[in-house]
């Protein structure tokens, strides 16, 4: 009885699983490994540290920092559906209610 169950299960699995395609069992061709030369170094000369200025580009002056903060605030409010328009249009101050 056990043999009948095993054969029925094997037959069911052959129906449910796809058949393997391609090469049948046999010897695989040998792998062709070709040695590659090591990469060339990109920089060979030493850099002179005294020739360049020591500048931190991420440090902003206060006006640039303020302008960047306002821009981020306007973008955040625009994503919520609130517009922050200009304060002056053609030299005329715009009321806050219409901005």
N, C-alpha and C. Protein backbone atom coordinates (compact mmCIF):
# COMPACT_ATOMS: atom_id res chain seq x y z
N UNK A 1 0.82 -1.19 0.00
CA UNK A 1 0.00 0.00 0.00
C UNK A 1 0.86 1.26 0.00
N UNK A 2 1.97 1.23 0.76
CA UNK A 2 2.86 2.36 0.82
C UNK A 2 3.48 2.63 -0.54
N UNK A 3 3.82 1.58 -1.27
CA UNK A 3 4.42 1.72 -2.60
C UNK A 3 3.44 2.40 -3.55
N UNK A 4 2.17 2.08 -3.43
CA UNK A 4 1.15 2.69 -4.29
C UNK A 4 1.03 4.19 -4.00
N UNK A 5 1.11 4.58 -2.73
CA UNK A 5 1.03 5.99 -2.35
C UNK A 5 2.24 6.76 -2.86
N UNK A 6 3.42 6.15 -2.76
CA UNK A 6 4.65 6.81 -3.23
C UNK A 6 4.60 7.00 -4.73
N UNK A 7 4.13 5.99 -5.46
CA UNK A 7 4.05 6.12 -6.92
C UNK A 7 3.01 7.16 -7.33
N UNK A 8 1.90 7.23 -6.62
CA UNK A 8 0.86 8.23 -6.94
C UNK A 8 1.37 9.64 -6.65
N UNK A 9 2.10 9.79 -5.55
CA UNK A 9 2.68 11.10 -5.23
C UNK A 9 3.73 11.51 -6.25
N UNK A 10 4.57 10.59 -6.68
CA UNK A 10 5.58 10.89 -7.70
C UNK A 10 4.92 11.28 -9.02
N UNK A 11 3.84 10.57 -9.40
CA UNK A 11 3.14 10.89 -10.64
C UNK A 11 2.50 12.28 -10.56
N UNK A 12 1.93 12.62 -9.39
CA UNK A 12 1.32 13.93 -9.19
C UNK A 12 2.36 15.04 -9.26
N UNK A 13 3.52 14.79 -8.69
CA UNK A 13 4.58 15.79 -8.74
C UNK A 13 5.10 16.01 -10.15
N UNK A 14 5.14 14.96 -10.97
CA UNK A 14 5.59 15.15 -12.36
C UNK A 14 4.58 15.99 -13.14
N UNK A 15 3.32 15.92 -12.77
CA UNK A 15 2.32 16.74 -13.46
C UNK A 15 2.39 18.20 -13.01
N UNK A 16 2.73 18.42 -11.73
CA UNK A 16 2.70 19.77 -11.17
C UNK A 16 3.98 20.56 -11.40
N UNK A 17 5.09 19.90 -11.55
CA UNK A 17 6.36 20.60 -11.70
C UNK A 17 6.77 20.65 -13.16
N UNK A 18 7.42 21.74 -13.59
CA UNK A 18 7.83 21.82 -15.00
C UNK A 18 9.00 20.88 -15.27
N UNK A 19 9.07 20.44 -16.52
CA UNK A 19 10.18 19.58 -16.90
C UNK A 19 11.44 20.40 -17.12
N UNK A 20 12.59 19.91 -16.72
CA UNK A 20 13.82 20.65 -16.96
C UNK A 20 14.14 20.72 -18.44
N UNK A 21 14.61 21.86 -18.87
CA UNK A 21 14.97 22.03 -20.28
C UNK A 21 16.48 22.18 -20.40
N UNK A 22 16.97 22.06 -21.57
CA UNK A 22 18.39 22.24 -21.79
C UNK A 22 19.14 20.92 -21.78
N UNK A 23 20.37 20.99 -21.34
CA UNK A 23 21.23 19.81 -21.38
C UNK A 23 20.78 18.77 -20.37
N UNK A 24 20.95 17.55 -20.75
CA UNK A 24 20.68 16.44 -19.83
C UNK A 24 21.91 16.23 -18.96
N UNK A 25 21.80 15.34 -18.03
CA UNK A 25 22.93 15.05 -17.16
C UNK A 25 24.12 14.56 -17.98
N UNK A 26 25.25 15.01 -17.68
CA UNK A 26 26.45 14.62 -18.39
C UNK A 26 27.62 15.41 -17.86
N UNK A 27 28.67 15.42 -18.61
CA UNK A 27 29.84 16.16 -18.16
C UNK A 27 29.73 17.61 -18.63
N UNK A 28 30.04 18.50 -17.75
CA UNK A 28 30.03 19.92 -18.07
C UNK A 28 31.35 20.31 -18.70
N UNK A 29 31.35 21.28 -19.60
CA UNK A 29 32.62 21.69 -20.20
C UNK A 29 33.50 22.35 -19.13
N UNK A 30 34.80 22.21 -19.25
CA UNK A 30 35.68 22.82 -18.24
C UNK A 30 35.61 24.34 -18.31
N UNK A 31 35.73 24.97 -17.17
CA UNK A 31 35.69 26.43 -17.11
C UNK A 31 36.98 27.02 -17.64
N UNK A 32 36.86 28.04 -18.47
CA UNK A 32 38.02 28.72 -19.02
C UNK A 32 38.26 29.97 -18.18
N UNK A 33 39.27 29.96 -17.34
CA UNK A 33 39.59 31.11 -16.50
C UNK A 33 40.82 31.79 -17.08
N UNK A 34 40.64 33.04 -17.48
CA UNK A 34 41.78 33.79 -18.03
C UNK A 34 42.20 34.83 -17.00
N UNK A 35 43.45 34.89 -16.67
CA UNK A 35 43.89 35.88 -15.69
C UNK A 35 43.83 37.29 -16.29
N UNK A 36 43.39 38.23 -15.49
CA UNK A 36 43.32 39.62 -15.92
C UNK A 36 44.43 40.40 -15.23
N UNK A 37 45.01 41.36 -15.93
CA UNK A 37 46.08 42.13 -15.29
C UNK A 37 45.51 43.02 -14.20
N UNK A 38 46.28 43.34 -13.18
CA UNK A 38 45.77 44.22 -12.12
C UNK A 38 45.52 45.63 -12.68
N UNK A 39 44.58 46.35 -12.11
CA UNK A 39 44.28 47.70 -12.62
C UNK A 39 45.43 48.66 -12.35
N UNK A 40 45.58 49.62 -13.26
CA UNK A 40 46.63 50.61 -13.10
C UNK A 40 46.24 51.60 -12.01
N UNK A 41 47.19 52.10 -11.25
CA UNK A 41 46.84 53.11 -10.25
C UNK A 41 46.42 54.41 -10.93
N UNK A 42 45.39 55.06 -10.39
CA UNK A 42 44.88 56.28 -11.02
C UNK A 42 45.72 57.50 -10.68
N UNK A 43 46.20 57.58 -9.46
CA UNK A 43 46.97 58.74 -9.04
C UNK A 43 48.36 58.28 -8.65
N UNK A 44 49.34 58.81 -9.31
CA UNK A 44 50.71 58.39 -8.99
C UNK A 44 51.49 59.50 -8.29
N UNK A 45 51.10 60.75 -8.50
CA UNK A 45 51.85 61.84 -7.87
C UNK A 45 51.19 62.23 -6.55
N UNK A 46 51.97 62.77 -5.65
CA UNK A 46 51.45 63.21 -4.36
C UNK A 46 50.79 64.57 -4.51
N UNK A 47 49.75 64.80 -3.73
CA UNK A 47 49.06 66.07 -3.77
C UNK A 47 49.68 67.02 -2.76
N UNK A 48 49.83 68.27 -3.16
CA UNK A 48 50.39 69.28 -2.28
C UNK A 48 49.24 69.96 -1.53
N UNK A 49 49.17 69.75 -0.23
CA UNK A 49 48.08 70.30 0.57
C UNK A 49 48.14 71.80 0.73
N UNK A 50 49.33 72.38 0.64
CA UNK A 50 49.43 73.83 0.82
C UNK A 50 49.00 74.58 -0.43
N UNK A 51 48.84 73.91 -1.55
CA UNK A 51 48.46 74.59 -2.79
C UNK A 51 46.96 74.87 -2.86
N UNK A 52 46.16 74.18 -2.05
CA UNK A 52 44.72 74.38 -2.12
C UNK A 52 44.23 75.08 -0.86
N UNK A 53 43.12 75.84 -1.02
CA UNK A 53 42.53 76.53 0.12
C UNK A 53 41.75 75.53 0.96
N UNK A 54 41.73 75.77 2.24
CA UNK A 54 40.92 74.94 3.12
C UNK A 54 39.54 75.57 3.23
N UNK A 55 38.59 75.05 2.47
CA UNK A 55 37.25 75.60 2.42
C UNK A 55 36.27 74.48 2.72
N UNK A 56 35.34 74.75 3.60
CA UNK A 56 34.28 73.80 3.85
C UNK A 56 33.06 74.28 3.08
N UNK A 57 32.71 73.62 1.98
CA UNK A 57 31.61 74.12 1.15
C UNK A 57 30.24 74.00 1.82
N UNK A 58 30.12 73.20 2.86
CA UNK A 58 28.83 73.03 3.49
C UNK A 58 28.54 74.12 4.53
N UNK A 59 29.49 74.97 4.83
CA UNK A 59 29.26 76.07 5.76
C UNK A 59 28.71 77.25 4.96
N UNK A 60 27.54 77.74 5.37
CA UNK A 60 26.89 78.82 4.63
C UNK A 60 26.95 80.10 5.45
N UNK A 61 26.95 81.21 4.75
CA UNK A 61 26.86 82.48 5.46
C UNK A 61 25.40 82.66 5.92
N UNK A 62 25.13 83.54 6.87
CA UNK A 62 23.78 83.64 7.44
C UNK A 62 22.69 83.97 6.44
N UNK A 63 22.99 84.82 5.45
CA UNK A 63 21.94 85.15 4.48
C UNK A 63 21.59 83.95 3.61
N UNK A 64 22.61 83.20 3.21
CA UNK A 64 22.34 82.00 2.39
C UNK A 64 21.60 80.95 3.23
N UNK A 65 21.97 80.83 4.48
CA UNK A 65 21.29 79.89 5.37
C UNK A 65 19.82 80.27 5.53
N UNK A 66 19.53 81.56 5.70
CA UNK A 66 18.16 82.03 5.83
C UNK A 66 17.36 81.79 4.55
N UNK A 67 17.96 82.07 3.41
CA UNK A 67 17.28 81.86 2.13
C UNK A 67 16.98 80.39 1.91
N UNK A 68 17.92 79.51 2.28
CA UNK A 68 17.71 78.08 2.12
C UNK A 68 16.59 77.58 3.05
N UNK A 69 16.56 78.11 4.27
CA UNK A 69 15.50 77.73 5.22
C UNK A 69 14.14 78.16 4.70
N UNK A 70 14.04 79.38 4.15
CA UNK A 70 12.77 79.86 3.60
C UNK A 70 12.33 79.01 2.41
N UNK A 71 13.27 78.61 1.59
CA UNK A 71 12.95 77.77 0.43
C UNK A 71 12.42 76.41 0.89
N UNK A 72 13.05 75.83 1.90
CA UNK A 72 12.57 74.54 2.42
C UNK A 72 11.18 74.68 3.05
N UNK A 73 10.95 75.79 3.75
CA UNK A 73 9.65 76.02 4.37
C UNK A 73 8.58 76.17 3.30
N UNK A 74 8.88 76.91 2.23
CA UNK A 74 7.91 77.08 1.15
C UNK A 74 7.61 75.74 0.47
N UNK A 75 8.63 74.92 0.30
CA UNK A 75 8.41 73.61 -0.34
C UNK A 75 7.57 72.71 0.56
N UNK A 76 7.83 72.75 1.87
CA UNK A 76 7.05 71.93 2.81
C UNK A 76 5.60 72.38 2.83
N UNK A 77 5.35 73.69 2.88
CA UNK A 77 3.98 74.19 2.88
C UNK A 77 3.28 73.94 1.55
N UNK A 78 4.02 73.98 0.45
CA UNK A 78 3.42 73.70 -0.85
C UNK A 78 2.98 72.24 -0.94
N UNK A 79 3.74 71.34 -0.29
CA UNK A 79 3.33 69.94 -0.31
C UNK A 79 2.06 69.71 0.50
N UNK A 80 1.76 70.61 1.43
CA UNK A 80 0.53 70.53 2.21
C UNK A 80 -0.62 71.27 1.55
N UNK A 81 -0.35 71.98 0.45
CA UNK A 81 -1.39 72.70 -0.27
C UNK A 81 -1.47 74.17 0.06
N UNK A 82 -0.56 74.67 0.85
CA UNK A 82 -0.55 76.09 1.21
C UNK A 82 0.52 76.79 0.40
N UNK A 83 0.14 77.84 -0.30
CA UNK A 83 1.12 78.55 -1.10
C UNK A 83 1.73 79.72 -0.34
N UNK A 84 3.02 79.93 -0.53
CA UNK A 84 3.70 81.09 0.04
C UNK A 84 4.20 81.91 -1.13
N UNK A 85 3.40 82.80 -1.59
CA UNK A 85 3.76 83.60 -2.74
C UNK A 85 4.73 84.71 -2.37
N UNK A 86 5.08 85.53 -3.33
CA UNK A 86 6.01 86.63 -3.06
C UNK A 86 5.35 87.71 -2.20
N UNK A 87 6.18 88.45 -1.48
CA UNK A 87 5.67 89.53 -0.65
C UNK A 87 5.44 90.79 -1.46
N UNK A 88 6.19 90.96 -2.54
CA UNK A 88 6.06 92.14 -3.39
C UNK A 88 5.86 91.67 -4.83
N UNK A 89 4.87 92.23 -5.50
CA UNK A 89 4.66 91.98 -6.92
C UNK A 89 4.73 93.32 -7.62
N UNK A 90 5.65 93.51 -8.53
CA UNK A 90 5.88 94.75 -9.27
C UNK A 90 6.08 95.93 -8.34
N UNK A 91 6.78 95.68 -7.22
CA UNK A 91 7.07 96.75 -6.29
C UNK A 91 5.96 97.09 -5.32
N UNK A 92 4.82 96.41 -5.41
CA UNK A 92 3.68 96.68 -4.54
C UNK A 92 3.59 95.54 -3.54
N UNK A 93 3.44 95.91 -2.26
CA UNK A 93 3.34 94.88 -1.22
C UNK A 93 2.00 94.16 -1.34
N UNK A 94 2.04 92.83 -1.30
CA UNK A 94 0.84 92.00 -1.43
C UNK A 94 0.35 91.66 -0.04
N UNK A 95 -0.95 91.82 0.23
CA UNK A 95 -1.47 91.45 1.55
C UNK A 95 -1.29 89.96 1.81
N UNK A 96 -1.21 89.60 3.10
CA UNK A 96 -0.97 88.21 3.48
C UNK A 96 -2.11 87.29 3.09
N UNK A 97 -3.33 87.82 3.03
CA UNK A 97 -4.48 86.98 2.72
C UNK A 97 -4.46 86.48 1.28
N UNK A 98 -3.83 87.20 0.37
CA UNK A 98 -3.83 86.79 -1.04
C UNK A 98 -2.58 85.99 -1.40
N UNK A 99 -1.67 85.85 -0.48
CA UNK A 99 -0.45 85.09 -0.79
C UNK A 99 -0.68 83.65 -0.83
